N, C-alpha and C. Protein backbone atom coordinates (compact mmCIF):
# COMPACT_ATOMS: atom_id res chain seq x y z
N MET A 1 0.97 -1.20 -0.11
CA MET A 1 -0.21 0.05 -0.31
C MET A 1 0.79 1.14 -0.13
N ASN A 2 0.46 2.25 -0.84
CA ASN A 2 1.19 3.42 -0.97
C ASN A 2 0.77 4.36 0.49
N THR A 3 1.90 4.83 0.80
CA THR A 3 1.71 6.05 2.00
C THR A 3 1.30 7.08 1.35
N ILE A 4 0.57 8.03 1.96
CA ILE A 4 0.14 9.48 1.54
C ILE A 4 0.84 10.80 2.33
N ILE A 5 1.83 11.84 2.61
CA ILE A 5 2.45 12.33 3.09
C ILE A 5 1.65 13.95 2.62
N TYR A 6 1.04 14.10 3.92
CA TYR A 6 0.93 15.96 3.41
C TYR A 6 1.82 16.77 3.96
N LYS A 7 2.18 17.63 3.10
CA LYS A 7 2.85 18.61 3.66
C LYS A 7 2.53 20.17 3.32
N PRO A 8 2.84 20.90 3.87
CA PRO A 8 2.70 23.01 3.46
C PRO A 8 3.25 23.08 2.15
N PRO A 9 2.28 23.55 0.99
CA PRO A 9 3.23 23.53 -0.04
C PRO A 9 4.50 24.71 -0.28
N LYS A 10 5.73 24.36 -0.48
CA LYS A 10 6.72 25.49 -1.06
C LYS A 10 6.47 26.37 -1.79
N LEU A 11 7.11 27.64 -2.30
CA LEU A 11 6.60 28.27 -3.31
C LEU A 11 7.73 27.63 -4.27
N GLY A 12 7.55 27.13 -5.50
CA GLY A 12 7.71 26.58 -6.53
C GLY A 12 7.01 24.93 -7.05
N ASP A 13 6.27 24.95 -5.98
CA ASP A 13 4.90 24.18 -5.90
C ASP A 13 3.75 24.32 -7.15
N GLU A 14 3.48 25.43 -6.96
CA GLU A 14 2.72 25.72 -7.87
C GLU A 14 2.03 25.34 -9.37
N HIS A 15 3.09 24.24 -10.05
CA HIS A 15 2.88 23.74 -10.90
C HIS A 15 2.08 22.34 -10.78
N GLN A 16 2.52 22.04 -9.99
CA GLN A 16 2.07 20.57 -9.39
C GLN A 16 0.52 20.70 -8.60
N ILE A 17 0.36 21.90 -7.94
CA ILE A 17 -0.68 21.97 -7.38
C ILE A 17 -1.98 22.21 -8.79
N SER A 18 -0.98 22.81 -9.74
CA SER A 18 -2.39 23.08 -10.79
C SER A 18 -2.54 21.85 -11.20
N GLY A 19 -1.69 21.48 -11.83
CA GLY A 19 -1.89 19.50 -12.56
C GLY A 19 -2.78 19.22 -11.71
N CYS A 20 -2.94 19.18 -10.01
CA CYS A 20 -3.48 18.43 -9.52
C CYS A 20 -5.23 18.90 -9.78
N MET A 21 -5.19 19.80 -9.41
CA MET A 21 -6.73 20.98 -9.61
C MET A 21 -7.16 20.52 -10.37
N TRP A 22 -6.35 20.75 -11.56
CA TRP A 22 -6.95 20.25 -13.08
C TRP A 22 -7.21 18.83 -13.50
N SER A 23 -6.41 17.95 -12.79
CA SER A 23 -7.08 16.37 -13.02
C SER A 23 -8.06 16.30 -12.16
N ALA A 24 -8.52 17.05 -11.65
CA ALA A 24 -9.69 16.53 -10.40
C ALA A 24 -10.84 17.59 -10.84
N ALA A 25 -10.46 18.98 -11.67
CA ALA A 25 -11.89 19.75 -11.92
C ALA A 25 -12.99 18.79 -12.67
N ASP A 26 -13.88 19.60 -12.53
CA ASP A 26 -15.04 19.52 -13.35
C ASP A 26 -15.24 20.81 -13.36
N LEU A 27 -14.99 21.52 -14.98
CA LEU A 27 -15.58 23.28 -14.54
C LEU A 27 -16.94 23.13 -14.74
N TRP A 28 -17.52 22.37 -14.70
CA TRP A 28 -19.40 22.62 -15.58
C TRP A 28 -19.76 22.24 -13.36
N GLU A 29 -19.36 21.40 -12.68
CA GLU A 29 -19.35 21.93 -11.34
C GLU A 29 -19.23 22.87 -10.51
N LEU A 30 -17.63 22.93 -11.29
CA LEU A 30 -17.24 24.14 -10.37
C LEU A 30 -17.46 25.83 -10.48
N THR A 31 -18.29 25.56 -11.78
CA THR A 31 -18.24 27.29 -12.07
C THR A 31 -20.16 27.27 -12.70
N ASP A 32 -20.90 28.10 -12.96
CA ASP A 32 -22.12 28.19 -12.86
C ASP A 32 -22.23 28.06 -15.07
N GLY A 33 -21.09 27.55 -15.46
CA GLY A 33 -21.05 27.77 -16.65
C GLY A 33 -21.09 28.30 -17.59
N THR A 34 -21.22 30.03 -17.32
CA THR A 34 -20.95 31.09 -18.36
C THR A 34 -19.33 31.14 -18.70
N PRO A 35 -19.37 31.83 -19.48
CA PRO A 35 -17.57 32.29 -20.15
C PRO A 35 -17.72 33.10 -19.28
N GLU A 36 -17.75 33.69 -18.32
CA GLU A 36 -16.91 34.53 -17.16
C GLU A 36 -16.62 33.70 -16.39
N SER A 37 -17.35 32.49 -15.40
CA SER A 37 -17.19 31.73 -14.42
C SER A 37 -15.88 30.87 -14.99
N VAL A 38 -16.21 30.20 -16.14
CA VAL A 38 -15.31 29.23 -16.35
C VAL A 38 -14.02 30.35 -16.79
N ALA A 39 -13.83 31.28 -17.32
CA ALA A 39 -12.64 32.26 -17.89
C ALA A 39 -12.12 32.64 -16.18
N GLU A 40 -12.86 32.50 -15.15
CA GLU A 40 -12.27 32.89 -13.73
C GLU A 40 -11.07 32.14 -13.53
N TRP A 41 -12.32 30.46 -13.40
CA TRP A 41 -11.41 29.10 -12.97
C TRP A 41 -10.28 28.78 -13.69
N LEU A 42 -10.04 29.36 -15.25
CA LEU A 42 -9.06 29.36 -15.86
C LEU A 42 -7.94 29.89 -14.89
N GLN A 43 -8.26 31.34 -14.94
CA GLN A 43 -6.99 31.96 -14.47
C GLN A 43 -6.57 31.53 -13.30
N ILE A 44 -7.51 31.12 -12.20
CA ILE A 44 -7.25 30.83 -10.96
C ILE A 44 -6.07 29.81 -10.82
N CYS A 45 -6.41 29.00 -11.84
CA CYS A 45 -5.63 27.43 -12.07
C CYS A 45 -4.76 27.09 -13.02
N HIS A 46 -4.96 27.81 -13.87
CA HIS A 46 -3.97 27.53 -15.29
C HIS A 46 -2.90 27.72 -15.29
N GLU A 47 -1.58 27.14 -14.82
CA GLU A 47 -0.40 27.55 -14.43
C GLU A 47 0.51 28.43 -15.60
N LYS A 48 -0.04 28.69 -16.81
CA LYS A 48 0.02 29.72 -17.51
C LYS A 48 -0.34 31.45 -17.16
N TYR A 49 -1.53 31.13 -16.58
CA TYR A 49 -2.00 32.04 -16.07
C TYR A 49 -1.44 32.85 -14.51
N GLY A 50 -0.97 31.80 -13.70
CA GLY A 50 -0.58 32.04 -12.45
C GLY A 50 1.00 32.90 -12.45
């Protein structure tokens, strides 16, 4: 069995955190589906915007 170790993020972990958020994200459940709310989510989560 694999062990999961939780630790506070460090500066430089942004890309890994962003990738994890993207893999778990369902944009239609996390937003109201409008282009504005999807764009806001993309701005918050996508590494090239961060």
